[in-house]
PDB file of N, CA and C in Angstrom:
ATOM      1  N   MET A   1     -13.735  12.336   3.439  1.00  0.00           N
ATOM      2  CA  MET A   1     -12.442  12.283   2.750  1.00  0.00           C
ATOM      3  C   MET A   1     -12.645  13.109   1.605  1.00  0.00           C
ATOM      4  N   THR A   2     -13.610  14.146   1.734  1.00  0.00           N
ATOM      5  CA  THR A   2     -14.088  15.037   0.506  1.00  0.00           C
ATOM      6  C   THR A   2     -12.692  15.745  -0.278  1.00  0.00           C
ATOM      7  N   GLY A   3     -12.495  15.407  -1.601  1.00  0.00           N
ATOM      8  CA  GLY A   3     -11.496  15.933  -2.195  1.00  0.00           C
ATOM      9  C   GLY A   3      -9.937  15.189  -2.066  1.00  0.00           C
ATOM     10  N   TYR A   4      -9.945  14.007  -1.361  1.00  0.00           N
ATOM     11  CA  TYR A   4      -8.685  13.384  -1.041  1.00  0.00           C
ATOM     12  C   TYR A   4      -8.236  12.701  -2.262  1.00  0.00           C
ATOM     13  N   GLN A   5      -6.838  12.881  -2.801  1.00  0.00           N
ATOM     14  CA  GLN A   5      -6.332  12.190  -3.792  1.00  0.00           C
ATOM     15  C   GLN A   5      -4.929  11.999  -3.044  1.00  0.00           C
ATOM     16  N   PRO A   6      -4.181  10.714  -3.594  1.00  0.00           N
ATOM     17  CA  PRO A   6      -3.020  10.306  -3.168  1.00  0.00           C
ATOM     18  C   PRO A   6      -2.310  11.189  -3.626  1.00  0.00           C
ATOM     19  N   ASP A   7      -0.948  11.118  -3.216  1.00  0.00           N
ATOM     20  CA  ASP A   7       0.198  11.912  -3.970  1.00  0.00           C
ATOM     21  C   ASP A   7       1.075  11.193  -4.758  1.00  0.00           C
ATOM     22  N   PHE A   8       0.537  11.020  -6.001  1.00  0.00           N
ATOM     23  CA  PHE A   8       1.118   9.969  -6.724  1.00  0.00           C
ATOM     24  C   PHE A   8       2.662  10.233  -7.148  1.00  0.00           C
ATOM     25  N   GLN A   9       2.855  11.548  -7.507  1.00  0.00           N
ATOM     26  CA  GLN A   9       4.326  12.093  -7.487  1.00  0.00           C
ATOM     27  C   GLN A   9       5.202  11.518  -6.574  1.00  0.00           C
ATOM     28  N   PHE A  10       4.797  11.600  -5.443  1.00  0.00           N
ATOM     29  CA  PHE A  10       5.672  11.362  -4.415  1.00  0.00           C
ATOM     30  C   PHE A  10       5.782   9.771  -4.246  1.00  0.00           C
ATOM     31  N   LEU A  11       4.708   8.751  -4.430  1.00  0.00           N
ATOM     32  CA  LEU A  11       5.028   7.252  -4.572  1.00  0.00           C
ATOM     33  C   LEU A  11       5.808   7.041  -5.859  1.00  0.00           C
ATOM     34  N   GLU A  12       5.574   7.771  -7.062  1.00  0.00           N
ATOM     35  CA  GLU A  12       6.410   7.346  -8.251  1.00  0.00           C
ATOM     36  C   GLU A  12       7.931   7.890  -7.973  1.00  0.00           C
ATOM     37  N   LYS A  13       8.157   8.587  -7.282  1.00  0.00           N
ATOM     38  CA  LYS A  13       9.335   9.419  -7.004  1.00  0.00           C
ATOM     39  C   LYS A  13      10.138   8.498  -6.004  1.00  0.00           C
ATOM     40  N   ILE A  14       9.375   7.664  -5.079  1.00  0.00           N
ATOM     41  CA  ILE A  14      10.168   6.746  -4.350  1.00  0.00           C
ATOM     42  C   ILE A  14      10.476   5.455  -4.920  1.00  0.00           C
ATOM     43  N   GLY A  15       9.659   5.235  -6.257  1.00  0.00           N
ATOM     44  CA  GLY A  15       9.943   4.193  -7.113  1.00  0.00           C
ATOM     45  C   GLY A  15       8.629   3.134  -6.870  1.00  0.00           C
ATOM     46  N   ILE A  16       7.584   3.488  -6.359  1.00  0.00           N
ATOM     47  CA  ILE A  16       6.482   2.630  -6.367  1.00  0.00           C
ATOM     48  C   ILE A  16       5.826   2.536  -7.848  1.00  0.00           C
ATOM     49  N   THR A  17       5.276   1.519  -8.266  1.00  0.00           N
ATOM     50  CA  THR A  17       4.535   1.423  -9.723  1.00  0.00           C
ATOM     51  C   THR A  17       3.356   2.007  -9.377  1.00  0.00           C
ATOM     52  N   ILE A  18       2.759   2.627 -10.270  1.00  0.00           N
ATOM     53  CA  ILE A  18       1.201   3.015 -10.528  1.00  0.00           C
ATOM     54  C   ILE A  18       0.810   2.193 -11.551  1.00  0.00           C
ATOM     55  N   ASN A  19      -0.117   1.488 -11.187  1.00  0.00           N
ATOM     56  CA  ASN A  19      -0.924   0.767 -12.375  1.00  0.00           C
ATOM     57  C   ASN A  19      -1.591   1.741 -13.411  1.00  0.00           C
ATOM     58  N   ALA A  20      -1.494   1.131 -14.463  1.00  0.00           N
ATOM     59  CA  ALA A  20      -2.359   1.909 -15.634  1.00  0.00           C
ATOM     60  C   ALA A  20      -3.585   1.951 -15.520  1.00  0.00           C
ATOM     61  N   ASP A  21      -4.238   1.347 -14.704  1.00  0.00           N
ATOM     62  CA  ASP A  21      -5.616   1.350 -14.429  1.00  0.00           C
ATOM     63  C   ASP A  21      -6.208   2.588 -14.383  1.00  0.00           C
ATOM     64  N   GLU A  22      -7.941   2.807 -14.562  1.00  0.00           N
ATOM     65  CA  GLU A  22      -8.321   4.044 -14.495  1.00  0.00           C
ATOM     66  C   GLU A  22      -8.171   4.627 -12.919  1.00  0.00           C
ATOM     67  N   ASN A  23      -8.177   3.972 -11.973  1.00  0.00           N
ATOM     68  CA  ASN A  23      -7.951   4.201 -10.552  1.00  0.00           C
ATOM     69  C   ASN A  23      -6.632   4.532 -10.146  1.00  0.00           C
ATOM     70  N   LYS A  24      -5.744   4.267 -11.040  1.00  0.00           N
ATOM     71  CA  LYS A  24      -4.090   4.788 -10.837  1.00  0.00           C
ATOM     72  C   LYS A  24      -3.840   3.778  -9.162  1.00  0.00           C
ATOM     73  N   THR A  25      -4.128   2.527  -9.119  1.00  0.00           N
ATOM     74  CA  THR A  25      -3.877   1.854  -8.194  1.00  0.00           C
ATOM     75  C   THR A  25      -2.476   1.564  -7.944  1.00  0.00           C
ATOM     76  N   PRO A  26      -1.541   1.864  -6.709  1.00  0.00           N
ATOM     77  CA  PRO A  26      -0.524   1.771  -6.462  1.00  0.00           C
ATOM     78  C   PRO A  26      -0.210   0.089  -6.434  1.00  0.00           C
ATOM     79  N   ALA A  27       0.966  -0.431  -6.712  1.00  0.00           N
ATOM     80  CA  ALA A  27       1.509  -1.884  -6.915  1.00  0.00           C
ATOM     81  C   ALA A  27       1.946  -2.311  -5.560  1.00  0.00           C
ATOM     82  N   PHE A  28       1.061  -3.332  -4.977  1.00  0.00           N
ATOM     83  CA  PHE A  28       1.520  -3.898  -3.611  1.00  0.00           C
ATOM     84  C   PHE A  28       0.951  -5.160  -3.467  1.00  0.00           C
ATOM     85  N   ASN A  29       1.483  -5.991  -2.732  1.00  0.00           N
ATOM     86  CA  ASN A  29       1.274  -7.299  -2.497  1.00  0.00           C
ATOM     87  C   ASN A  29       0.093  -7.293  -1.526  1.00  0.00           C
ATOM     88  N   GLY A  30      -1.236  -7.994  -1.842  1.00  0.00           N
ATOM     89  CA  GLY A  30      -2.153  -7.932  -1.058  1.00  0.00           C
ATOM     90  C   GLY A  30      -2.063  -8.665   0.270  1.00  0.00           C
ATOM     91  N   ASP A  31      -1.072  -9.552   0.211  1.00  0.00           N
ATOM     92  CA  ASP A  31      -0.853 -10.347   1.399  1.00  0.00           C
ATOM     93  C   ASP A  31      -0.012  -9.650   2.497  1.00  0.00           C
ATOM     94  N   THR A  32       1.055  -8.863   2.072  1.00  0.00           N
ATOM     95  CA  THR A  32       1.720  -8.331   2.804  1.00  0.00           C
ATOM     96  C   THR A  32       1.688  -6.897   3.030  1.00  0.00           C
ATOM     97  N   MET A  33       1.298  -6.170   2.063  1.00  0.00           N
ATOM     98  CA  MET A  33       0.925  -4.619   1.848  1.00  0.00           C
ATOM     99  C   MET A  33       2.276  -4.075   1.422  1.00  0.00           C
ATOM    100  N   GLU A  34       3.264  -5.046   1.083  1.00  0.00           N
ATOM    101  CA  GLU A  34       4.480  -4.451   0.609  1.00  0.00           C
ATOM    102  C   GLU A  34       4.560  -4.128  -0.716  1.00  0.00           C
ATOM    103  N   THR A  35       5.129  -2.814  -1.188  1.00  0.00           N
ATOM    104  CA  THR A  35       5.126  -2.660  -2.610  1.00  0.00           C
ATOM    105  C   THR A  35       5.988  -2.914  -3.384  1.00  0.00           C
ATOM    106  N   ASN A  36       6.342  -2.518  -4.546  1.00  0.00           N
ATOM    107  CA  ASN A  36       7.353  -3.388  -5.350  1.00  0.00           C
ATOM    108  C   ASN A  36       8.714  -2.670  -4.855  1.00  0.00           C
ATOM    109  N   VAL A  37       8.606  -1.824  -3.968  1.00  0.00           N
ATOM    110  CA  VAL A  37       9.837  -1.202  -3.614  1.00  0.00           C
ATOM    111  C   VAL A  37      10.066  -2.225  -2.229  1.00  0.00           C
ATOM    112  N   PRO A  38      11.007  -3.235  -2.123  1.00  0.00           N
ATOM    113  CA  PRO A  38      11.259  -3.533  -0.969  1.00  0.00           C
ATOM    114  C   PRO A  38      11.395  -2.844   0.484  1.00  0.00           C
ATOM    115  N   GLY A  39      10.696  -3.031   1.475  1.00  0.00           N
ATOM    116  CA  GLY A  39      10.691  -2.561   2.775  1.00  0.00           C
ATOM    117  C   GLY A  39       9.604  -1.353   2.626  1.00  0.00           C
ATOM    118  N   VAL A  40       8.863  -0.986   1.361  1.00  0.00           N
ATOM    119  CA  VAL A  40       7.874  -0.049   1.646  1.00  0.00           C
ATOM    120  C   VAL A  40       6.377  -0.632   1.571  1.00  0.00           C
ATOM    121  N   PHE A  41       5.801  -0.172   2.328  1.00  0.00           N
ATOM    122  CA  PHE A  41       4.251  -0.575   2.486  1.00  0.00           C
ATOM    123  C   PHE A  41       3.243   0.286   2.599  1.00  0.00           C
ATOM    124  N   LEU A  42       2.229   0.118   1.974  1.00  0.00           N
ATOM    125  CA  LEU A  42       1.034   0.868   2.100  1.00  0.00           C
ATOM    126  C   LEU A  42      -0.150   0.377   2.881  1.00  0.00           C
ATOM    127  N   ALA A  43      -1.001   1.308   3.393  1.00  0.00           N
ATOM    128  CA  ALA A  43      -1.696   0.835   4.247  1.00  0.00           C
ATOM    129  C   ALA A  43      -2.790   1.979   4.153  1.00  0.00           C
ATOM    130  N   GLY A  44      -4.441   1.345   4.364  1.00  0.00           N
ATOM    131  CA  GLY A  44      -5.612   2.439   4.098  1.00  0.00           C
ATOM    132  C   GLY A  44      -5.931   2.734   2.701  1.00  0.00           C
ATOM    133  N   VAL A  45      -6.498   3.743   2.757  1.00  0.00           N
ATOM    134  CA  VAL A  45      -7.203   4.345   1.421  1.00  0.00           C
ATOM    135  C   VAL A  45      -6.403   4.479   0.187  1.00  0.00           C
ATOM    136  N   ILE A  46      -5.000   4.874   0.768  1.00  0.00           N
ATOM    137  CA  ILE A  46      -4.076   4.761  -0.555  1.00  0.00           C
ATOM    138  C   ILE A  46      -3.981   3.600  -1.504  1.00  0.00           C
ATOM    139  N   CYS A  47      -4.143   2.532  -0.899  1.00  0.00           N
ATOM    140  CA  CYS A  47      -4.242   1.249  -1.457  1.00  0.00           C
ATOM    141  C   CYS A  47      -5.264   1.210  -2.666  1.00  0.00           C
ATOM    142  N   GLY A  48      -6.168   2.156  -2.779  1.00  0.00           N
ATOM    143  CA  GLY A  48      -7.416   2.322  -3.789  1.00  0.00           C
ATOM    144  C   GLY A  48      -7.028   2.930  -4.867  1.00  0.00           C
ATOM    145  N   GLY A  49      -5.689   3.897  -4.688  1.00  0.00           N
ATOM    146  CA  GLY A  49      -5.623   4.737  -5.750  1.00  0.00           C
ATOM    147  C   GLY A  49      -6.705   6.033  -5.678  1.00  0.00           C
ATOM    148  N   LEU A  50      -7.203   6.185  -6.934  1.00  0.00           N
ATOM    149  CA  LEU A  50      -8.437   7.022  -6.815  1.00  0.00           C
ATOM    150  C   LEU A  50      -9.440   6.600  -6.270  1.00  0.00           C
ATOM    151  N   LYS A  51      -9.828   5.319  -6.105  1.00  0.00           N
ATOM    152  CA  LYS A  51     -10.880   5.038  -5.650  1.00  0.00           C
ATOM    153  C   LYS A  51     -10.805   4.730  -4.001  1.00  0.00           C
ATOM    154  N   THR A  52     -10.777   5.721  -3.325  1.00  0.00           N
ATOM    155  CA  THR A  52     -10.421   5.926  -2.169  1.00  0.00           C
ATOM    156  C   THR A  52     -11.980   5.165  -1.267  1.00  0.00           C
ATOM    157  N   ASN A  53     -12.834   5.150  -1.836  1.00  0.00           N
ATOM    158  CA  ASN A  53     -14.192   4.753  -1.195  1.00  0.00           C
ATOM    159  C   ASN A  53     -14.295   3.278  -1.110  1.00  0.00           C
ATOM    160  N   GLU A  54     -12.978   2.665  -1.681  1.00  0.00           N
ATOM    161  CA  GLU A  54     -12.905   1.157  -1.607  1.00  0.00           C
ATOM    162  C   GLU A  54     -12.543   0.578  -0.083  1.00  0.00           C
ATOM    163  N   TRP A  55     -11.865   1.717   0.794  1.00  0.00           N
ATOM    164  CA  TRP A  55     -11.134   1.196   1.773  1.00  0.00           C
ATOM    165  C   TRP A  55     -11.913   2.054   3.111  1.00  0.00           C
ATOM    166  N   PHE A  56     -12.190   1.198   4.158  1.00  0.00           N
ATOM    167  CA  PHE A  56     -12.680   1.826   5.232  1.00  0.00           C
ATOM    168  C   PHE A  56     -11.949   1.229   6.415  1.00  0.00           C
ATOM    169  N   ILE A  57     -12.223   1.720   7.715  1.00  0.00           N
ATOM    170  CA  ILE A  57     -11.586   1.076   8.761  1.00  0.00           C
ATOM    171  C   ILE A  57     -12.008  -0.149   8.876  1.00  0.00           C
ATOM    172  N   GLU A  58     -12.887  -0.770   8.712  1.00  0.00           N
ATOM    173  CA  GLU A  58     -13.589  -2.123   8.852  1.00  0.00           C
ATOM    174  C   GLU A  58     -12.501  -3.262   7.886  1.00  0.00           C
ATOM    175  N   ASN A  59     -12.067  -2.772   6.472  1.00  0.00           N
ATOM    176  CA  ASN A  59     -11.284  -3.679   5.909  1.00  0.00           C
ATOM    177  C   ASN A  59      -9.827  -3.089   5.600  1.00  0.00           C
ATOM    178  N   SER A  60      -9.512  -1.956   6.490  1.00  0.00           N
ATOM    179  CA  SER A  60      -8.074  -1.882   6.177  1.00  0.00           C
ATOM    180  C   SER A  60      -7.543  -1.764   7.667  1.00  0.00           C
ATOM    181  N   ARG A  61      -8.124  -2.122   8.597  1.00  0.00           N
ATOM    182  CA  ARG A  61      -7.506  -2.104   9.817  1.00  0.00           C
ATOM    183  C   ARG A  61      -6.637  -3.460  10.187  1.00  0.00           C
ATOM    184  N   VAL A  62      -6.791  -4.101   9.173  1.00  0.00           N
ATOM    185  CA  VAL A  62      -6.059  -5.405   9.494  1.00  0.00           C
ATOM    186  C   VAL A  62      -4.373  -4.930   8.644  1.00  0.00           C
ATOM    187  N   HIS A  63      -4.356  -4.083   7.807  1.00  0.00           N
ATOM    188  CA  HIS A  63      -3.163  -3.620   7.169  1.00  0.00           C
ATOM    189  C   HIS A  63      -1.840  -3.530   8.094  1.00  0.00           C
ATOM    190  N   ALA A  64      -1.973  -2.969   9.314  1.00  0.00           N
ATOM    191  CA  ALA A  64      -0.843  -2.482  10.121  1.00  0.00           C
ATOM    192  C   ALA A  64      -0.366  -4.096  10.584  1.00  0.00           C
ATOM    193  N   GLU A  65      -1.420  -4.971  10.906  1.00  0.00           N
ATOM    194  CA  GLU A  65      -0.980  -6.166  11.579  1.00  0.00           C
ATOM    195  C   GLU A  65      -0.014  -7.088  10.145  1.00  0.00           C
ATOM    196  N   MET A  66      -0.694  -7.112   8.961  1.00  0.00           N
ATOM    197  CA  MET A  66      -0.116  -7.609   7.786  1.00  0.00           C
ATOM    198  C   MET A  66       1.327  -7.226   7.756  1.00  0.00           C
ATOM    199  N   ILE A  67       1.596  -5.512   7.889  1.00  0.00           N
ATOM    200  CA  ILE A  67       2.856  -5.100   7.701  1.00  0.00           C
ATOM    201  C   ILE A  67       3.863  -5.802   8.926  1.00  0.00           C
ATOM    202  N   VAL A  68       3.498  -5.814  10.132  1.00  0.00           N
ATOM    203  CA  VAL A  68       4.154  -6.231  11.333  1.00  0.00           C
ATOM    204  C   VAL A  68       4.762  -7.817  10.764  1.00  0.00           C
ATOM    205  N   HIS A  69       3.868  -8.378  10.385  1.00  0.00           N
ATOM    206  CA  HIS A  69       3.999  -9.739  10.356  1.00  0.00           C
ATOM    207  C   HIS A  69       4.836  -9.941   9.043  1.00  0.00           C
ATOM    208  N   LYS A  70       5.062  -9.242   8.218  1.00  0.00           N
ATOM    209  CA  LYS A  70       6.002  -9.369   7.048  1.00  0.00           C
ATOM    210  C   LYS A  70       7.312  -8.942   7.411  1.00  0.00           C
ATOM    211  N   ILE A  71       7.443  -7.798   8.240  1.00  0.00           N
ATOM    212  CA  ILE A  71       8.570  -7.164   8.856  1.00  0.00           C
ATOM    213  C   ILE A  71       9.146  -8.324   9.788  1.00  0.00           C
ATOM    214  N   LYS A  72       8.522  -9.022  10.770  1.00  0.00           N
ATOM    215  CA  LYS A  72       8.935  -9.760  11.591  1.00  0.00           C
ATOM    216  C   LYS A  72       9.707 -11.028  11.013  1.00  0.00           C
ATOM    217  N   ALA A  73       8.749 -11.301   9.769  1.00  0.00           N
ATOM    218  CA  ALA A  73       9.072 -12.936   9.088  1.00  0.00           C
ATOM    219  C   ALA A  73      10.266 -12.320   8.357  1.00  0.00           C
ATOM    220  N   ASP A  74      10.487 -11.211   7.878  1.00  0.00           N
ATOM    221  CA  ASP A  74      11.779 -10.890   7.375  1.00  0.00           C
ATOM    222  C   ASP A  74      13.025 -10.852   8.284  1.00  0.00           C
ATOM    223  N   GLN A  75      12.944 -10.427   9.297  1.00  0.00           N
ATOM    224  CA  GLN A  75      14.004 -10.376  10.281  1.00  0.00           C
ATOM    225  C   GLN A  75      14.389 -11.571  10.911  1.00  0.00           C
ATOM    226  N   SER A  76      13.563 -12.571  10.731  1.00  0.00           N
ATOM    227  CA  SER A  76      13.861 -13.782  11.458  1.00  0.00           C
ATOM    228  C   SER A  76      14.697 -14.940  10.353  1.00  0.00           C
ATOM    229  N   VAL A  77      14.754 -14.386   9.211  1.00  0.00           N
ATOM    230  CA  VAL A  77      15.395 -15.159   8.066  1.00  0.00           C
ATOM    231  C   VAL A  77      16.881 -14.812   8.268  1.00  0.00           C
ATOM    232  N   PRO A  78      17.885 -15.450   8.467  1.00  0.00           N
ATOM    233  CA  PRO A  78      19.262 -15.271   8.411  1.00  0.00           C
ATOM    234  C   PRO A  78      19.724 -14.984   7.187  1.00  0.00           C
ATOM    235  N   ALA A  79      20.705 -13.814   7.205  1.00  0.00           N
ATOM    236  CA  ALA A  79      21.286 -13.149   6.364  1.00  0.00           C
ATOM    237  C   ALA A  79      22.394 -14.049   5.310  1.00  0.00           C
TER     238      ALA A  79
END
């Protein structure tokens, strides 16, 4: 992934908070992968902001499962 950088402008445009740390990591819940924008989730290398080498297949393949679990849990709650 030589030269890869997340599209921070897009993330900010849809309301996702970008932390003021040096890696510009997007704000998300590490248990559900949901961002500060309800119903918007992140998965994979984008979770590391500029530190894209933090995430690999080995430690991010569970993101989809976490996201689906959260969506299913939200749908089972009566309105």
